[in-house]
């Protein structure tokens, strides 16, 4: 359900996170998610929470308004370590918890409203597409489902358009 390559960050603790409804995570320096992406975090061996990314923020004290103004005025080029080498630069993502998922068998899941709270320090990962499809109640059979991702959607529209024009 979770593999090392799918981990995108770690849940952090602050005044608002984690709670039953939301959590915030610090992203790994080489991992990015987009608004609306679904992410998950384990709360026990067979239960995980799925949430939707609602926002993000980059923390970079080197680019605060006062420092940028000084650099611009004095004609100084920025010179500081990139995110992967910095102790100060990081990205936080906000996540709204939408479901609690219990694995009932190897390939089946029971979805319910969230009752567990995510834990600070827990990994945040991108669930496998099959899990998302199952959890969201979408068709998992490739031959019968309509693709909803951008490439599939645009390719279907282009095909329909070309078919109607020709």
N, C-alpha and C. Protein backbone atom coordinates (compact mmCIF):
# COMPACT_ATOMS: atom_id res chain seq x y z
N UNK A 1 0.83 -1.19 0.00
CA UNK A 1 0.00 0.00 0.00
C UNK A 1 0.87 1.26 0.00
N UNK A 2 1.99 1.22 0.71
CA UNK A 2 2.90 2.36 0.75
C UNK A 2 4.29 1.85 0.39
N UNK A 3 4.93 2.55 -0.53
CA UNK A 3 6.30 2.19 -0.84
C UNK A 3 7.15 3.44 -0.75
N UNK A 4 8.43 3.25 -0.64
CA UNK A 4 9.37 4.35 -0.41
C UNK A 4 9.27 5.44 -1.48
N UNK A 5 9.04 5.06 -2.72
CA UNK A 5 8.97 6.02 -3.81
C UNK A 5 7.71 6.88 -3.78
N UNK A 6 6.67 6.41 -3.10
CA UNK A 6 5.42 7.17 -3.07
C UNK A 6 5.36 8.17 -1.92
N UNK A 7 6.34 8.16 -1.01
CA UNK A 7 6.35 9.09 0.12
C UNK A 7 6.69 10.49 -0.38
N UNK A 8 5.82 11.45 -0.07
CA UNK A 8 6.04 12.83 -0.53
C UNK A 8 6.37 13.79 0.60
N UNK A 9 6.19 13.37 1.86
CA UNK A 9 6.48 14.27 2.96
C UNK A 9 6.20 13.66 4.32
N UNK A 10 6.25 14.54 5.34
CA UNK A 10 6.06 14.14 6.73
C UNK A 10 5.10 15.10 7.40
N UNK A 11 4.12 14.58 8.15
CA UNK A 11 3.16 15.44 8.85
C UNK A 11 3.88 16.23 9.93
N UNK A 12 3.61 17.54 9.97
CA UNK A 12 4.20 18.42 10.97
C UNK A 12 3.14 18.85 11.97
N UNK A 13 3.61 19.28 13.12
CA UNK A 13 2.72 19.74 14.18
C UNK A 13 2.81 21.25 14.31
N UNK A 14 1.67 21.90 14.31
CA UNK A 14 1.60 23.33 14.59
C UNK A 14 0.24 23.62 15.24
N UNK A 15 -0.16 24.87 15.30
CA UNK A 15 -1.39 25.23 16.00
C UNK A 15 -2.65 24.64 15.35
N UNK A 16 -2.60 24.31 14.07
CA UNK A 16 -3.78 23.80 13.38
C UNK A 16 -3.66 22.34 12.94
N UNK A 17 -2.48 21.80 12.98
CA UNK A 17 -2.25 20.48 12.41
C UNK A 17 -1.43 19.61 13.35
N UNK A 18 -1.72 18.34 13.38
CA UNK A 18 -2.85 17.66 12.75
C UNK A 18 -4.11 17.75 13.61
N UNK A 19 -5.25 17.57 12.95
CA UNK A 19 -6.54 17.50 13.63
C UNK A 19 -7.39 16.46 12.91
N UNK A 20 -8.63 16.29 13.34
CA UNK A 20 -9.48 15.30 12.68
C UNK A 20 -9.80 15.70 11.24
N UNK A 21 -9.80 17.01 10.96
CA UNK A 21 -10.21 17.47 9.64
C UNK A 21 -9.09 17.89 8.70
N UNK A 22 -7.92 18.23 9.25
CA UNK A 22 -6.83 18.73 8.39
C UNK A 22 -5.49 18.27 8.92
N UNK A 23 -4.51 18.26 8.03
CA UNK A 23 -3.12 18.12 8.46
C UNK A 23 -2.23 18.86 7.48
N UNK A 24 -1.06 19.18 7.94
CA UNK A 24 -0.07 19.87 7.12
C UNK A 24 1.16 18.97 7.06
N UNK A 25 1.80 18.94 5.89
CA UNK A 25 3.02 18.16 5.81
C UNK A 25 4.12 18.94 5.12
N UNK A 26 5.36 18.66 5.57
CA UNK A 26 6.55 19.22 4.95
C UNK A 26 6.93 18.27 3.83
N UNK A 27 7.06 18.82 2.62
CA UNK A 27 7.37 18.00 1.47
C UNK A 27 8.85 17.63 1.44
N UNK A 28 9.14 16.45 0.92
CA UNK A 28 10.52 16.08 0.62
C UNK A 28 11.01 17.03 -0.46
N UNK A 29 12.30 17.36 -0.46
CA UNK A 29 12.82 18.39 -1.36
C UNK A 29 12.61 18.07 -2.84
N UNK A 30 12.47 16.81 -3.19
CA UNK A 30 12.34 16.43 -4.60
C UNK A 30 10.94 15.92 -4.95
N UNK A 31 9.97 16.16 -4.06
CA UNK A 31 8.60 15.69 -4.29
C UNK A 31 7.64 16.88 -4.35
N UNK A 32 6.73 16.83 -5.30
CA UNK A 32 5.75 17.90 -5.47
C UNK A 32 4.38 17.30 -5.67
N UNK A 33 3.36 17.96 -5.15
CA UNK A 33 1.98 17.60 -5.42
C UNK A 33 1.26 18.86 -5.87
N UNK A 34 0.13 18.70 -6.50
CA UNK A 34 -0.61 19.83 -7.02
C UNK A 34 -1.92 20.00 -6.25
N UNK A 35 -2.53 21.19 -6.33
CA UNK A 35 -3.82 21.38 -5.65
C UNK A 35 -4.83 20.34 -6.14
N UNK A 36 -5.56 19.76 -5.22
CA UNK A 36 -6.55 18.75 -5.55
C UNK A 36 -6.02 17.34 -5.54
N UNK A 37 -4.70 17.17 -5.48
CA UNK A 37 -4.12 15.82 -5.42
C UNK A 37 -4.60 15.09 -4.19
N UNK A 38 -4.73 13.77 -4.31
CA UNK A 38 -5.08 12.95 -3.16
C UNK A 38 -3.81 12.36 -2.58
N UNK A 39 -3.67 12.49 -1.25
CA UNK A 39 -2.55 11.93 -0.52
C UNK A 39 -3.11 11.14 0.65
N UNK A 40 -2.26 10.35 1.28
CA UNK A 40 -2.72 9.50 2.38
C UNK A 40 -1.66 9.40 3.46
N UNK A 41 -2.10 9.00 4.63
CA UNK A 41 -1.18 8.72 5.74
C UNK A 41 -1.74 7.56 6.55
N UNK A 42 -0.86 6.68 6.96
CA UNK A 42 -1.27 5.51 7.75
C UNK A 42 -1.55 5.95 9.19
N UNK A 43 -2.61 5.39 9.78
CA UNK A 43 -2.87 5.61 11.21
C UNK A 43 -2.74 4.31 11.99
N UNK A 44 -2.77 3.19 11.28
CA UNK A 44 -2.47 1.88 11.88
C UNK A 44 -2.08 0.95 10.73
N UNK A 45 -1.82 -0.30 11.05
CA UNK A 45 -1.34 -1.23 10.03
C UNK A 45 -2.33 -1.43 8.88
N UNK A 46 -3.64 -1.32 9.16
CA UNK A 46 -4.62 -1.55 8.11
C UNK A 46 -5.58 -0.38 7.89
N UNK A 47 -5.30 0.77 8.50
CA UNK A 47 -6.16 1.94 8.34
C UNK A 47 -5.33 3.13 7.91
N UNK A 48 -5.82 3.82 6.87
CA UNK A 48 -5.17 5.06 6.46
C UNK A 48 -6.21 6.12 6.17
N UNK A 49 -5.78 7.37 6.22
CA UNK A 49 -6.63 8.50 5.91
C UNK A 49 -6.26 9.03 4.54
N UNK A 50 -7.27 9.39 3.77
CA UNK A 50 -7.04 10.02 2.47
C UNK A 50 -7.49 11.46 2.58
N UNK A 51 -6.68 12.35 2.02
CA UNK A 51 -7.01 13.76 2.04
C UNK A 51 -6.72 14.42 0.71
N UNK A 52 -7.30 15.62 0.54
CA UNK A 52 -7.13 16.39 -0.68
C UNK A 52 -6.25 17.60 -0.39
N UNK A 53 -5.22 17.80 -1.20
CA UNK A 53 -4.32 18.94 -1.03
C UNK A 53 -5.09 20.21 -1.36
N UNK A 54 -5.12 21.15 -0.41
CA UNK A 54 -5.90 22.38 -0.59
C UNK A 54 -5.03 23.62 -0.74
N UNK A 55 -3.77 23.53 -0.37
CA UNK A 55 -2.90 24.70 -0.48
C UNK A 55 -1.47 24.36 -0.15
N UNK A 56 -0.59 25.32 -0.41
CA UNK A 56 0.82 25.11 -0.09
C UNK A 56 1.50 26.45 0.16
N UNK A 57 2.66 26.37 0.78
CA UNK A 57 3.43 27.58 1.09
C UNK A 57 4.91 27.21 1.15
N UNK A 58 5.74 28.05 0.52
CA UNK A 58 7.18 27.85 0.61
C UNK A 58 7.73 28.78 1.69
N UNK A 59 8.51 28.22 2.60
CA UNK A 59 9.21 29.00 3.62
C UNK A 59 10.63 29.22 3.13
N UNK A 60 10.99 30.48 2.88
CA UNK A 60 12.33 30.79 2.41
C UNK A 60 12.74 32.15 2.97
N UNK A 61 13.40 32.16 4.13
CA UNK A 61 13.77 33.44 4.75
C UNK A 61 14.74 34.26 3.90
N UNK A 62 15.44 33.62 2.96
CA UNK A 62 16.37 34.34 2.09
C UNK A 62 15.64 35.25 1.11
N UNK A 63 14.35 35.00 0.90
CA UNK A 63 13.57 35.79 -0.06
C UNK A 63 12.51 36.66 0.61
N UNK A 64 12.70 36.97 1.90
CA UNK A 64 11.80 37.89 2.57
C UNK A 64 11.93 39.27 1.93
N UNK A 65 10.89 40.06 1.99
CA UNK A 65 10.84 41.35 1.30
C UNK A 65 12.02 42.25 1.64
N UNK A 66 12.40 42.34 2.89
CA UNK A 66 13.52 43.20 3.29
C UNK A 66 14.84 42.75 2.68
N UNK A 67 15.06 41.46 2.66
CA UNK A 67 16.31 40.94 2.08
C UNK A 67 16.35 41.15 0.56
N UNK A 68 15.22 40.94 -0.09
CA UNK A 68 15.16 41.16 -1.54
C UNK A 68 15.39 42.63 -1.85
N UNK A 69 14.81 43.52 -1.04
CA UNK A 69 15.00 44.96 -1.26
C UNK A 69 16.47 45.34 -1.13
N UNK A 70 17.16 44.82 -0.12
CA UNK A 70 18.58 45.11 0.06
C UNK A 70 19.38 44.60 -1.14
N UNK A 71 19.11 43.37 -1.57
CA UNK A 71 19.83 42.82 -2.72
C UNK A 71 19.60 43.64 -3.98
N UNK A 72 18.32 44.03 -4.21
CA UNK A 72 18.00 44.81 -5.39
C UNK A 72 18.69 46.18 -5.35
N UNK A 73 18.67 46.82 -4.20
CA UNK A 73 19.27 48.14 -4.05
C UNK A 73 20.78 48.10 -4.23
N UNK A 74 21.39 47.06 -3.70
CA UNK A 74 22.85 46.97 -3.75
C UNK A 74 23.37 46.17 -4.95
N UNK A 75 22.46 45.65 -5.75
CA UNK A 75 22.87 44.87 -6.92
C UNK A 75 23.55 43.56 -6.58
N UNK A 76 23.14 42.93 -5.49
CA UNK A 76 23.73 41.67 -5.05
C UNK A 76 22.91 40.51 -5.59
N UNK A 77 23.58 39.53 -6.12
CA UNK A 77 22.89 38.31 -6.58
C UNK A 77 22.67 37.38 -5.39
N UNK A 78 21.51 36.70 -5.34
CA UNK A 78 21.27 35.77 -4.23
C UNK A 78 22.29 34.63 -4.24
N UNK A 79 22.75 34.25 -3.07
CA UNK A 79 23.72 33.16 -2.95
C UNK A 79 23.44 32.40 -1.66
N UNK A 80 22.61 31.38 -1.77
CA UNK A 80 22.28 30.53 -0.63
C UNK A 80 21.99 29.13 -1.14
N UNK A 81 22.04 28.13 -0.26
CA UNK A 81 21.84 26.74 -0.71
C UNK A 81 20.42 26.49 -1.21
N UNK A 82 20.31 25.58 -2.14
CA UNK A 82 19.00 25.15 -2.63
C UNK A 82 18.27 24.37 -1.55
N UNK A 83 16.98 24.09 -1.80
CA UNK A 83 16.13 23.43 -0.80
C UNK A 83 16.71 22.11 -0.31
N UNK A 84 17.32 21.32 -1.18
CA UNK A 84 17.81 20.01 -0.77
C UNK A 84 19.02 20.10 0.16
N UNK A 85 19.67 21.25 0.25
CA UNK A 85 20.82 21.42 1.14
C UNK A 85 20.56 22.40 2.27
N UNK A 86 19.39 23.01 2.28
CA UNK A 86 19.09 24.06 3.25
C UNK A 86 18.38 23.52 4.49
N UNK A 87 18.70 24.11 5.62
CA UNK A 87 17.99 23.80 6.87
C UNK A 87 16.81 24.75 7.06
N UNK A 88 16.71 25.79 6.23
CA UNK A 88 15.69 26.82 6.41
C UNK A 88 14.59 26.80 5.35
N UNK A 89 14.89 26.35 4.16
CA UNK A 89 13.93 26.39 3.05
C UNK A 89 13.14 25.09 3.02
N UNK A 90 11.82 25.20 2.98
CA UNK A 90 10.97 24.01 2.83
C UNK A 90 9.58 24.42 2.34
N UNK A 91 8.85 23.43 1.83
CA UNK A 91 7.48 23.62 1.36
C UNK A 91 6.53 22.86 2.26
N UNK A 92 5.44 23.53 2.64
CA UNK A 92 4.38 22.89 3.41
C UNK A 92 3.14 22.79 2.54
N UNK A 93 2.43 21.69 2.67
CA UNK A 93 1.16 21.51 1.96
C UNK A 93 0.05 21.32 2.99
N UNK A 94 -1.11 21.93 2.74
CA UNK A 94 -2.30 21.77 3.58
C UNK A 94 -3.19 20.70 2.96
N UNK A 95 -3.73 19.84 3.82
CA UNK A 95 -4.55 18.72 3.35
C UNK A 95 -5.84 18.66 4.16
N UNK A 96 -6.96 18.53 3.45
CA UNK A 96 -8.25 18.33 4.08
C UNK A 96 -8.54 16.83 4.07
N UNK A 97 -8.76 16.25 5.24
CA UNK A 97 -9.03 14.82 5.35
C UNK A 97 -10.45 14.56 4.82
N UNK A 98 -10.57 13.60 3.89
CA UNK A 98 -11.89 13.34 3.30
C UNK A 98 -12.43 11.94 3.60
N UNK A 99 -11.56 11.00 3.95
CA UNK A 99 -12.06 9.64 4.19
C UNK A 99 -11.08 8.84 5.03
N UNK A 100 -11.64 7.89 5.75
CA UNK A 100 -10.85 6.90 6.46
C UNK A 100 -11.03 5.59 5.72
N UNK A 101 -9.96 4.90 5.46
CA UNK A 101 -10.02 3.68 4.66
C UNK A 101 -9.42 2.53 5.45
N UNK A 102 -10.18 1.45 5.55
CA UNK A 102 -9.70 0.25 6.22
C UNK A 102 -9.53 -0.83 5.18
N UNK A 103 -8.35 -1.41 5.15
CA UNK A 103 -8.08 -2.51 4.23
C UNK A 103 -8.73 -3.76 4.81
N UNK A 104 -9.69 -4.34 4.07
CA UNK A 104 -10.41 -5.50 4.57
C UNK A 104 -9.90 -6.80 3.98
N UNK A 105 -9.25 -6.72 2.83
CA UNK A 105 -8.63 -7.87 2.17
C UNK A 105 -7.52 -7.32 1.31
N UNK A 106 -6.85 -8.17 0.57
CA UNK A 106 -5.70 -7.74 -0.23
C UNK A 106 -6.06 -6.63 -1.21
N UNK A 107 -7.26 -6.71 -1.80
CA UNK A 107 -7.63 -5.72 -2.81
C UNK A 107 -8.95 -5.02 -2.52
N UNK A 108 -9.48 -5.13 -1.32
CA UNK A 108 -10.75 -4.47 -1.00
C UNK A 108 -10.58 -3.55 0.19
N UNK A 109 -11.40 -2.49 0.19
CA UNK A 109 -11.30 -1.46 1.20
C UNK A 109 -12.70 -1.06 1.67
N UNK A 110 -12.77 -0.67 2.94
CA UNK A 110 -14.01 -0.17 3.50
C UNK A 110 -13.80 1.33 3.76
N UNK A 111 -14.62 2.17 3.16
CA UNK A 111 -14.46 3.62 3.26
C UNK A 111 -15.50 4.16 4.22
N UNK A 112 -15.08 5.06 5.11
CA UNK A 112 -15.99 5.67 6.07
C UNK A 112 -15.54 7.10 6.36
N UNK A 113 -16.40 7.88 7.02
CA UNK A 113 -15.98 9.22 7.42
C UNK A 113 -14.79 9.11 8.39
N UNK A 114 -13.89 10.10 8.36
CA UNK A 114 -12.71 10.01 9.23
C UNK A 114 -13.06 10.07 10.71
N UNK A 115 -12.54 9.13 11.48
CA UNK A 115 -12.72 9.10 12.93
C UNK A 115 -11.38 9.10 13.65
N UNK A 116 -10.32 8.81 12.94
CA UNK A 116 -8.98 8.79 13.53
C UNK A 116 -8.26 10.08 13.18
N UNK A 117 -7.31 10.44 14.02
CA UNK A 117 -6.54 11.65 13.77
C UNK A 117 -5.16 11.27 13.25
N UNK A 118 -4.68 11.97 12.21
CA UNK A 118 -3.33 11.68 11.73
C UNK A 118 -2.30 12.01 12.81
N UNK A 119 -1.14 11.38 12.74
CA UNK A 119 -0.11 11.58 13.76
C UNK A 119 1.06 12.39 13.21
N UNK A 120 1.51 13.35 13.98
CA UNK A 120 2.71 14.12 13.61
C UNK A 120 3.87 13.16 13.41
N UNK A 121 4.68 13.45 12.41
CA UNK A 121 5.84 12.61 12.12
C UNK A 121 5.55 11.45 11.19
N UNK A 122 4.27 11.23 10.87
CA UNK A 122 3.91 10.13 9.97
C UNK A 122 4.22 10.50 8.52
N UNK A 123 4.56 9.48 7.73
CA UNK A 123 4.78 9.69 6.30
C UNK A 123 3.47 10.03 5.60
N UNK A 124 3.58 10.87 4.59
CA UNK A 124 2.47 11.17 3.70
C UNK A 124 2.86 10.58 2.35
N UNK A 125 1.94 9.86 1.73
CA UNK A 125 2.26 9.20 0.47
C UNK A 125 1.13 9.39 -0.53
N UNK A 126 1.44 9.15 -1.78
CA UNK A 126 0.44 9.17 -2.84
C UNK A 126 -0.06 7.74 -2.99
N UNK A 127 -1.36 7.52 -2.75
CA UNK A 127 -1.88 6.16 -2.87
C UNK A 127 -1.80 5.66 -4.31
N UNK A 128 -1.77 4.36 -4.47
CA UNK A 128 -1.76 3.76 -5.80
C UNK A 128 -3.07 4.10 -6.51
N UNK A 129 -3.01 4.23 -7.81
CA UNK A 129 -4.19 4.60 -8.60
C UNK A 129 -5.34 3.63 -8.35
N UNK A 130 -5.05 2.35 -8.24
CA UNK A 130 -6.10 1.36 -8.03
C UNK A 130 -6.83 1.60 -6.70
N UNK A 131 -6.08 2.01 -5.69
CA UNK A 131 -6.69 2.30 -4.38
C UNK A 131 -7.60 3.50 -4.50
N UNK A 132 -7.12 4.55 -5.16
CA UNK A 132 -7.94 5.75 -5.33
C UNK A 132 -9.21 5.42 -6.09
N UNK A 133 -9.08 4.65 -7.17
CA UNK A 133 -10.25 4.28 -7.97
C UNK A 133 -11.26 3.51 -7.12
N UNK A 134 -10.77 2.56 -6.32
CA UNK A 134 -11.64 1.75 -5.48
C UNK A 134 -12.30 2.61 -4.41
N UNK A 135 -11.52 3.44 -3.75
CA UNK A 135 -12.02 4.29 -2.67
C UNK A 135 -13.06 5.27 -3.18
N UNK A 136 -12.84 5.83 -4.37
CA UNK A 136 -13.76 6.82 -4.93
C UNK A 136 -14.95 6.17 -5.64
N UNK A 137 -14.97 4.83 -5.70
CA UNK A 137 -16.09 4.14 -6.32
C UNK A 137 -16.07 4.21 -7.83
N UNK A 138 -14.89 4.39 -8.43
CA UNK A 138 -14.76 4.47 -9.87
C UNK A 138 -14.45 3.11 -10.46
N UNK A 139 -14.72 2.94 -11.72
CA UNK A 139 -14.49 1.67 -12.42
C UNK A 139 -13.00 1.39 -12.48
N UNK A 140 -12.60 0.20 -12.09
CA UNK A 140 -11.18 -0.16 -12.09
C UNK A 140 -10.76 -0.94 -13.32
N UNK A 141 -11.74 -1.43 -14.08
CA UNK A 141 -11.42 -2.19 -15.29
C UNK A 141 -11.04 -1.21 -16.40
N UNK A 142 -9.80 -1.27 -16.85
CA UNK A 142 -9.25 -0.35 -17.86
C UNK A 142 -10.09 -0.34 -19.14
N UNK A 143 -10.65 -1.48 -19.53
CA UNK A 143 -11.37 -1.56 -20.80
C UNK A 143 -12.74 -0.90 -20.75
N UNK A 144 -13.31 -0.73 -19.56
CA UNK A 144 -14.67 -0.18 -19.47
C UNK A 144 -14.73 1.22 -18.88
N UNK A 145 -13.63 1.71 -18.36
CA UNK A 145 -13.69 3.03 -17.72
C UNK A 145 -13.36 4.15 -18.69
N UNK A 146 -13.88 5.32 -18.42
CA UNK A 146 -13.55 6.53 -19.16
C UNK A 146 -12.40 7.20 -18.44
N UNK A 147 -11.36 7.52 -19.17
CA UNK A 147 -10.20 8.17 -18.54
C UNK A 147 -10.57 9.59 -18.19
N UNK A 148 -10.20 10.01 -16.97
CA UNK A 148 -10.53 11.34 -16.50
C UNK A 148 -9.31 12.22 -16.33
N UNK A 149 -8.13 11.68 -16.57
CA UNK A 149 -6.95 12.53 -16.43
C UNK A 149 -6.86 13.46 -17.64
N UNK A 150 -6.04 14.47 -17.57
CA UNK A 150 -6.00 15.50 -18.60
C UNK A 150 -5.65 14.91 -19.97
N UNK A 151 -4.65 14.07 -20.04
CA UNK A 151 -4.23 13.50 -21.32
C UNK A 151 -5.35 12.65 -21.92
N UNK A 152 -5.93 11.79 -21.11
CA UNK A 152 -6.99 10.93 -21.62
C UNK A 152 -8.21 11.74 -22.03
N UNK A 153 -8.56 12.75 -21.22
CA UNK A 153 -9.71 13.58 -21.51
C UNK A 153 -9.50 14.36 -22.80
N UNK A 154 -8.33 14.98 -22.94
CA UNK A 154 -8.07 15.78 -24.14
C UNK A 154 -7.95 14.88 -25.37
N UNK A 155 -7.38 13.68 -25.23
CA UNK A 155 -7.29 12.77 -26.36
C UNK A 155 -8.67 12.32 -26.80
N UNK A 156 -9.56 12.06 -25.86
CA UNK A 156 -10.92 11.66 -26.20
C UNK A 156 -11.65 12.80 -26.91
N UNK A 157 -11.49 14.03 -26.42
CA UNK A 157 -12.12 15.17 -27.07
C UNK A 157 -11.58 15.36 -28.48
N UNK A 158 -10.27 15.26 -28.65
CA UNK A 158 -9.66 15.42 -29.96
C UNK A 158 -10.17 14.34 -30.91
N UNK A 159 -10.26 13.10 -30.44
CA UNK A 159 -10.75 12.00 -31.26
C UNK A 159 -12.20 12.27 -31.70
N UNK A 160 -13.04 12.71 -30.75
CA UNK A 160 -14.44 13.01 -31.08
C UNK A 160 -14.53 14.16 -32.08
N UNK A 161 -13.69 15.19 -31.85
CA UNK A 161 -13.70 16.35 -32.73
C UNK A 161 -13.28 15.95 -34.15
N UNK A 162 -12.19 15.20 -34.26
CA UNK A 162 -11.71 14.79 -35.57
C UNK A 162 -12.73 13.88 -36.25
N UNK A 163 -13.38 13.02 -35.50
CA UNK A 163 -14.37 12.11 -36.06
C UNK A 163 -15.57 12.89 -36.59
N UNK A 164 -15.97 13.97 -35.87
CA UNK A 164 -17.13 14.76 -36.31
C UNK A 164 -16.79 15.66 -37.48
N UNK A 165 -15.52 16.07 -37.60
CA UNK A 165 -15.10 16.94 -38.69
C UNK A 165 -14.91 16.13 -39.98
N UNK A 166 -14.36 14.94 -39.84
CA UNK A 166 -14.05 14.12 -41.03
C UNK A 166 -15.23 13.36 -41.52
